[in-house]
Protein backbone atom coordinates (compact mmCIF):
# COMPACT_ATOMS: atom_id res chain seq x y z
CA MET A 1 76.67 -55.31 56.39
CA ASN A 2 74.60 -52.87 58.50
CA ASP A 3 74.15 -53.14 62.32
CA HIS A 4 70.66 -54.58 62.01
CA GLU A 5 71.99 -57.49 59.82
CA LEU A 6 74.90 -57.89 62.24
CA ASP A 7 72.61 -58.01 65.21
CA ARG A 8 70.53 -60.80 63.56
CA LEU A 9 73.66 -62.87 62.85
CA LEU A 10 74.98 -62.39 66.38
CA ALA A 11 71.63 -63.16 67.88
CA ARG A 12 71.72 -66.57 66.30
CA ALA A 13 75.21 -67.29 67.68
CA ASN A 14 75.68 -70.98 68.74
CA PRO A 15 72.07 -71.84 69.39
CA PHE A 16 72.98 -75.51 69.90
CA GLY A 17 74.83 -75.51 73.06
CA ASP A 18 74.20 -76.78 76.50
CA ASP A 19 71.86 -74.60 78.64
CA SER A 20 68.55 -73.62 77.02
CA VAL A 21 66.77 -76.91 77.34
CA ARG A 22 67.25 -76.63 81.05
CA HIS A 23 64.91 -73.69 80.96
CA LEU A 24 62.21 -75.46 78.90
CA PRO A 25 58.39 -75.14 79.70
CA ALA A 26 56.92 -76.07 82.95
CA GLY A 27 54.61 -78.74 81.57
CA ALA A 28 56.11 -82.26 82.22
CA ALA A 29 55.36 -83.59 78.87
CA ALA A 30 56.92 -80.71 77.02
CA SER A 31 60.04 -80.75 79.31
CA ASP A 32 60.49 -84.46 78.84
CA LEU A 33 60.26 -84.14 75.23
CA LEU A 34 62.50 -81.21 74.78
CA GLU A 35 65.07 -82.76 77.12
CA GLU A 36 65.69 -85.12 74.22
CA ILE A 37 66.09 -82.41 71.72
CA VAL A 38 69.54 -80.89 71.29
CA THR A 39 70.60 -78.75 74.23
CA THR A 40 71.00 -75.11 73.49
CA THR A 41 73.03 -72.25 74.92
CA ALA A 42 71.39 -68.89 74.97
CA PRO A 43 73.31 -66.48 72.67
CA THR A 44 75.51 -63.85 74.13
CA PRO A 45 73.62 -60.54 73.82
CA GLU A 46 74.30 -58.52 70.81
CA LEU A 47 76.63 -55.68 71.77
CA ARG A 48 75.85 -52.16 71.04
CA PRO A 49 76.66 -50.93 67.60
CA ASN A 50 79.77 -49.06 68.73
CA ARG A 51 81.08 -52.04 70.59
CA ARG A 52 80.28 -54.84 68.26
CA ARG A 53 83.02 -57.32 67.21
CA ARG A 54 82.68 -57.71 63.53
CA VAL A 55 82.96 -61.52 63.57
CA ILE A 56 80.09 -63.70 62.33
CA VAL A 57 79.41 -66.52 64.56
CA LEU A 58 77.88 -69.90 63.78
CA VAL A 59 74.32 -69.85 62.58
CA ALA A 60 73.43 -73.24 63.62
CA ALA A 61 70.75 -71.77 65.20
CA ALA A 62 69.64 -68.09 64.34
CA ALA A 63 71.67 -65.50 63.03
CA ALA A 64 69.18 -64.92 58.84
CA ILE A 65 66.59 -66.55 56.09
CA VAL A 66 64.21 -69.19 56.33
CA VAL A 67 65.69 -70.93 53.34
CA ALA A 68 63.80 -74.08 52.47
CA LEU A 69 64.06 -76.52 55.29
CA THR A 70 64.11 -80.22 54.78
CA GLY A 71 60.55 -81.20 54.91
CA VAL A 72 57.05 -80.09 55.69
CA PHE A 73 54.46 -80.61 58.21
CA PHE A 74 51.54 -82.84 57.10
CA PRO A 75 49.19 -80.55 55.24
CA ARG A 76 45.71 -80.15 56.41
CA GLY A 77 43.37 -82.33 54.53
CA ASN A 78 45.98 -84.99 54.03
CA PRO A 79 44.27 -88.28 55.01
CA ALA A 80 47.58 -89.33 56.69
CA ALA A 81 47.63 -86.26 58.90
CA PRO A 82 46.91 -86.49 62.71
CA THR A 83 44.18 -84.46 64.35
CA SER A 84 46.85 -81.65 64.56
CA ALA A 85 48.86 -81.22 61.45
CA TYR A 86 51.91 -80.50 63.50
CA ALA A 87 54.18 -82.86 65.42
CA ALA A 88 54.08 -82.98 69.12
CA GLU A 89 57.65 -81.49 69.42
CA VAL A 90 56.67 -78.55 67.35
CA ARG A 91 53.44 -77.87 69.21
CA ALA A 92 55.30 -78.15 72.57
CA ILE A 93 57.66 -75.38 71.58
CA ALA A 94 54.86 -73.22 70.12
CA GLU A 95 52.84 -73.65 73.39
CA ALA A 96 55.71 -72.39 75.43
CA ASN A 97 55.99 -69.13 73.71
CA GLN A 98 54.24 -65.79 73.19
CA ARG A 99 52.82 -66.50 69.69
CA LEU A 100 52.55 -63.25 67.64
CA LEU A 101 51.49 -62.39 64.08
CA VAL A 102 51.33 -59.05 62.36
CA ASP A 103 47.62 -58.10 61.97
CA ALA A 104 48.23 -55.88 58.77
CA PRO A 105 47.77 -56.54 55.14
CA GLY A 106 50.82 -58.09 53.26
CA TRP A 107 52.77 -58.96 56.45
CA LYS A 108 53.91 -62.63 56.47
CA VAL A 109 56.43 -64.72 58.56
CA SER A 110 59.47 -64.99 56.33
CA ARG A 111 61.97 -66.57 58.70
CA VAL A 112 61.97 -68.72 61.76
CA ASP A 113 65.25 -69.16 63.59
CA GLU A 114 66.56 -70.90 66.80
CA PHE A 115 63.19 -72.31 67.23
CA THR A 116 63.11 -73.67 70.89
CA ALA A 117 60.95 -73.19 73.90
CA ASP A 118 62.70 -70.35 75.55
CA LEU A 119 65.00 -68.96 72.76
CA GLY A 120 64.32 -68.03 69.18
CA GLU A 121 63.49 -65.44 66.54
CA MET A 122 61.35 -64.76 63.66
CA THR A 123 61.02 -62.22 60.97
CA PHE A 124 57.90 -60.69 59.48
CA ALA A 125 58.20 -59.27 56.04
CA LYS A 126 56.17 -57.04 53.63
CA GLY A 127 58.19 -56.21 50.54
CA ASN A 128 61.54 -54.84 51.70
CA GLN A 129 60.23 -54.11 55.08
CA ARG A 130 61.23 -56.31 58.11
CA LEU A 131 60.22 -56.80 61.59
CA ASP A 132 62.22 -59.01 63.85
CA VAL A 133 60.85 -60.56 66.93
CA PHE A 134 63.11 -62.45 69.48
CA TRP A 135 62.21 -64.38 72.50
CA ARG A 136 65.01 -64.96 74.99
CA PRO A 137 65.38 -66.53 78.50
CA ALA A 138 63.91 -64.46 81.26
CA ASP A 139 66.98 -64.37 83.24
CA GLN A 140 68.83 -62.54 80.37
CA TYR A 141 66.32 -59.65 80.47
CA GLN A 142 68.51 -57.30 82.57
CA THR A 143 71.65 -57.88 80.45
CA TYR A 144 69.82 -57.01 77.35
CA PHE A 145 67.96 -54.07 78.84
CA ASP A 146 71.37 -52.49 80.19
CA ASP A 147 73.01 -53.08 76.74
CA ARG A 148 70.16 -51.36 74.90
CA ALA A 149 70.05 -48.56 77.36
CA HIS A 150 73.70 -47.75 77.12
CA ASP A 151 74.07 -44.58 75.06
CA ASN A 152 70.51 -44.82 73.60
CA THR A 153 67.49 -42.81 74.40
CA HIS A 154 64.59 -44.87 75.79
CA GLN A 155 61.12 -44.49 77.17
CA PRO A 156 58.41 -46.67 78.63
CA ILE A 157 55.82 -48.25 76.37
CA GLU A 158 52.80 -50.41 76.89
CA LEU A 159 52.53 -53.14 74.28
CA LEU A 160 50.51 -56.50 74.13
CA GLY A 161 49.25 -55.62 77.57
CA GLN A 162 52.77 -55.75 78.99
CA ALA A 163 55.10 -53.04 80.31
CA GLY A 164 58.23 -52.41 78.24
CA THR A 165 60.85 -49.98 77.09
CA ILE A 166 61.42 -48.62 73.52
CA PHE A 167 64.96 -47.87 72.58
CA ARG A 168 66.31 -45.76 69.73
CA TYR A 169 69.78 -46.50 68.39
CA GLY A 170 71.66 -43.33 68.27
CA ASP A 171 70.29 -40.76 65.95
CA THR A 172 68.78 -43.43 63.68
CA THR A 173 65.34 -44.64 62.92
CA ASP A 174 66.23 -48.01 64.11
CA PHE A 175 64.01 -48.84 67.19
CA THR A 176 63.74 -51.90 69.49
CA THR A 177 61.35 -52.56 72.24
CA ILE A 178 61.96 -55.00 75.19
CA LEU A 179 59.00 -56.27 77.14
CA LYS A 180 59.43 -57.44 80.69
CA PRO A 181 59.66 -61.21 81.17
CA LYS A 182 56.47 -63.14 80.87
CA GLY A 183 56.86 -66.74 81.94
CA LYS A 184 60.24 -68.25 81.09
CA ASN A 185 61.13 -65.52 78.35
CA PHE A 186 60.81 -61.97 77.31
CA LEU A 187 60.31 -60.42 73.90
CA GLU A 188 62.35 -57.98 71.94
CA ILE A 189 60.89 -56.37 68.76
CA ARG A 190 63.08 -54.51 66.39
CA THR A 191 62.89 -52.83 62.99
CA ASP A 192 63.62 -49.64 61.17
CA VAL A 193 60.64 -48.38 59.15
CA GLY A 194 61.78 -44.77 58.77
CA SER A 195 60.33 -43.17 61.82
CA GLU A 196 59.29 -43.55 65.42
CA ALA A 197 55.71 -43.07 64.49
CA ALA A 198 55.81 -45.76 61.82
CA TYR A 199 57.55 -48.09 64.27
CA ARG A 200 54.94 -47.68 66.96
CA THR A 201 52.21 -48.06 64.37
CA LEU A 202 53.71 -51.37 63.18
CA ILE A 203 54.34 -52.98 66.49
CA GLY A 204 50.88 -52.02 67.55
CA LYS A 205 49.63 -54.46 64.83
CA LEU A 206 51.19 -57.46 66.55
CA LYS A 207 48.53 -59.68 67.98
CA PRO A 208 48.71 -62.92 70.13
CA VAL A 209 47.26 -65.94 68.37
CA GLY A 210 46.55 -69.65 69.14
CA VAL A 211 48.92 -72.49 68.54
CA GLU A 212 47.34 -73.65 65.33
CA GLU A 213 47.00 -70.21 63.74
CA TRP A 214 50.69 -69.46 64.60
CA LEU A 215 52.05 -72.61 63.32
CA ASP A 216 49.93 -72.33 60.10
CA ALA A 217 51.60 -68.98 59.52
CA LEU A 218 55.05 -70.32 59.53
CA PRO A 219 56.87 -70.62 56.21
CA ALA A 220 55.99 -73.75 54.32
CA SER A 221 59.67 -74.88 54.67
CA ALA A 222 59.36 -75.41 58.43
CA VAL A 223 60.10 -78.99 59.30
CA LYS A 224 59.88 -81.57 62.02
CA PRO A 225 62.98 -82.39 63.94
CA ALA A 226 62.77 -86.01 62.64
CA ASP A 227 63.96 -84.73 59.29
CA ASN A 228 67.34 -83.41 60.57
CA LYS A 229 69.50 -86.50 60.19
CA LYS A 230 68.36 -86.98 56.46
CA THR A 231 69.25 -83.37 55.66
CA VAL A 232 72.55 -83.55 57.48
CA ASP A 233 73.57 -86.67 55.73
CA ALA A 234 72.69 -85.20 52.31
CA MET A 235 74.77 -82.12 52.95
CA LEU A 236 77.76 -84.15 54.22
CA ALA A 237 77.60 -86.23 51.12
CA ASP A 238 78.94 -83.33 49.15
CA LEU A 239 81.84 -82.34 51.46
CA PRO A 240 85.24 -83.79 51.90
CA LYS A 241 85.70 -85.00 55.48
CA PRO A 242 89.03 -85.56 57.27
CA ASP A 243 89.93 -88.92 58.72
CA GLY A 244 88.02 -89.63 61.96
CA PHE A 245 85.36 -87.00 61.36
CA ASP A 246 82.47 -87.69 63.68
CA ALA A 247 79.04 -86.48 62.50
CA ALA A 248 77.11 -87.55 65.52
CA GLY A 249 76.98 -84.11 66.98
CA LEU A 250 75.25 -82.77 63.95
CA TYR A 251 72.22 -84.89 64.42
CA GLN A 252 70.24 -82.47 66.59
CA GLN A 253 66.47 -82.69 66.75
CA THR A 254 65.73 -79.10 66.75
CA VAL A 255 63.31 -77.04 64.85
CA GLY A 256 65.14 -74.57 62.65
CA ASP A 257 65.89 -73.77 59.16
CA ARG A 258 68.10 -75.10 56.35
CA TYR A 259 70.53 -72.26 56.63
CA GLN A 260 71.11 -73.11 60.24
CA VAL A 261 71.62 -76.80 59.47
CA GLY A 262 74.03 -75.78 56.62
CA ALA A 263 76.01 -73.56 58.80
CA ARG A 264 76.25 -76.31 61.46
CA VAL A 265 77.31 -78.92 58.95
CA SER A 266 79.67 -76.96 56.82
CA GLY A 267 81.11 -75.38 59.89
CA ALA A 268 81.80 -78.62 61.62
CA VAL A 269 83.67 -79.95 58.48
CA SER A 270 85.62 -76.72 58.10
CA CYS A 271 86.57 -76.72 61.74
CA ALA A 272 87.92 -80.10 61.52
CA TRP A 273 90.00 -79.18 58.48
CA LEU A 274 91.22 -75.90 60.03
CA ASP A 275 92.18 -77.83 63.29
CA GLN A 276 94.18 -80.13 61.23
CA TRP A 277 95.95 -77.39 59.34
CA THR A 278 96.71 -75.59 62.57
CA ALA A 279 98.08 -78.68 64.40
CA ALA A 280 100.05 -79.74 61.23
CA LYS A 281 101.68 -76.27 61.01
CA LYS A 282 102.91 -76.61 64.59
CA SER A 283 104.20 -80.16 64.01
CA GLY A 284 105.59 -79.58 60.53
CA ASP A 285 103.39 -82.15 58.90
CA LYS A 286 103.48 -80.75 55.39
CA THR A 287 101.20 -83.60 54.09
CA LYS A 288 98.40 -82.85 56.47
CA VAL A 289 98.76 -79.19 55.83
CA ALA A 290 98.46 -79.68 52.05
CA GLU A 291 95.57 -82.04 52.68
CA ALA A 292 93.73 -79.39 54.60
CA VAL A 293 94.39 -76.65 52.22
CA ALA A 294 93.17 -78.75 49.20
CA ALA A 295 89.96 -79.72 51.06
CA MET A 296 89.11 -76.16 52.12
CA LYS A 297 89.74 -74.89 48.53
CA THR A 298 86.78 -76.93 47.45
CA SER A 299 84.51 -75.14 49.89
CA HIS A 300 83.97 -72.50 47.24
CA ASN A 301 81.99 -75.17 45.35
CA TRP A 302 80.24 -76.74 48.13
CA PRO A 303 76.46 -76.82 47.17
CA ILE A 304 75.22 -75.97 50.62
CA LEU A 305 77.45 -72.86 50.82
CA LYS A 306 76.41 -71.72 47.36
CA GLU A 307 72.78 -72.00 48.54
CA MET A 308 73.30 -70.20 51.74
CA ALA A 309 75.18 -67.40 50.14
CA LYS A 310 72.03 -66.09 48.70
CA ASP A 311 70.63 -65.47 52.16
CA GLY A 312 73.52 -64.67 54.62
CA ASP A 313 77.25 -63.98 55.11
CA TYR A 314 78.29 -67.30 56.77
CA PRO A 315 79.65 -68.77 53.46
CA ARG A 316 81.66 -65.53 52.86
CA ILE A 317 83.32 -65.72 56.37
CA LEU A 318 84.10 -69.48 55.90
CA TRP A 319 85.63 -68.88 52.44
CA GLU A 320 87.96 -66.16 53.99
CA PHE A 321 89.33 -68.67 56.33
CA ALA A 322 89.75 -71.20 53.49
CA ASP A 323 91.59 -68.54 51.47
CA ASP A 324 93.76 -67.61 54.43
CA ILE A 325 95.34 -71.13 54.59
CA ALA A 326 95.67 -71.30 50.93
CA LYS A 327 98.02 -68.25 51.24
CA ASP A 328 99.80 -70.05 54.09
CA GLN A 329 98.23 -67.57 56.62
CA ALA A 330 96.89 -68.54 59.91
CA PRO A 331 93.01 -68.46 59.92
CA VAL A 332 92.86 -66.13 62.87
CA GLY A 333 89.55 -66.23 64.73
CA TYR A 334 88.10 -69.24 62.78
CA ALA A 335 87.01 -71.08 66.05
CA ASP A 336 84.82 -67.97 66.97
CA GLY A 337 83.91 -67.17 63.39
CA LEU A 338 82.61 -70.60 62.53
CA GLY A 339 81.39 -71.66 66.01
CA CYS A 340 83.89 -74.51 66.30
CA LYS A 341 83.51 -76.56 69.46
């Protein structure tokens, strides 16, 4: 895994915590609506490449990816569709953000992640090329700026009518730009397209668009939050759950993607089994230990993990913990690695 891929995973760390909804848009209607959506904790800033901890955290939220989500918006032209083809909660989030598209042939939105009003990311793709755009809470601007500035060359840039700073990671052709906060969030735009000139040309193609145009550009797999419970239940049906497993916390009305939901579901079940194994080892309960080992062995055949394995490393990390306990080894770091709560 290269640094760019790790950044993406780390940026998606635990997007379904407690804080972000408290920073939602100023409009009362949007705030009231999003207060009911799952609360989110802004992710810890990705560390510099030379300081990163090689642990993959829960992608509940970010961090990889749009795999098919669990439903689609009403298509335009459908007689059942409302005046706007998009649900109110989706529009509220879109209206709160700086909506960008790449105005260049062949570039399309390939991934939407951590889709909330002040926290999220999306990837534009053309062939093998990728351009990642992140929006983050304004109060995290200085933290990210200082991190990117450490040991990396940087210079001012004017982009999208905003002042910003372009950073180069070491001696690579990996560049990122951080724009100063606008409203409740700020943007970071990162890619490696072979040279600084190519990077500047590409980001210069970013253009602000209206809500409808931006939502129309999202992958067809984007879904309404109302579909979350149905998807979670379908995923859980294939997984062995320990006694007393509570799925209530998984029913989070957030706009995201299937990879995130899969990580949240498989992670919650795995955390419960690994917690049981850990407690049983301490108490000497061999029956509970064996039960957890047997359950986690089946994770190699969980349909959702097989699906996710084509798009990210979360399944591989989970399987490593399953293999650890199968060998009677402690699953060191599983709570952080899987985002256990």
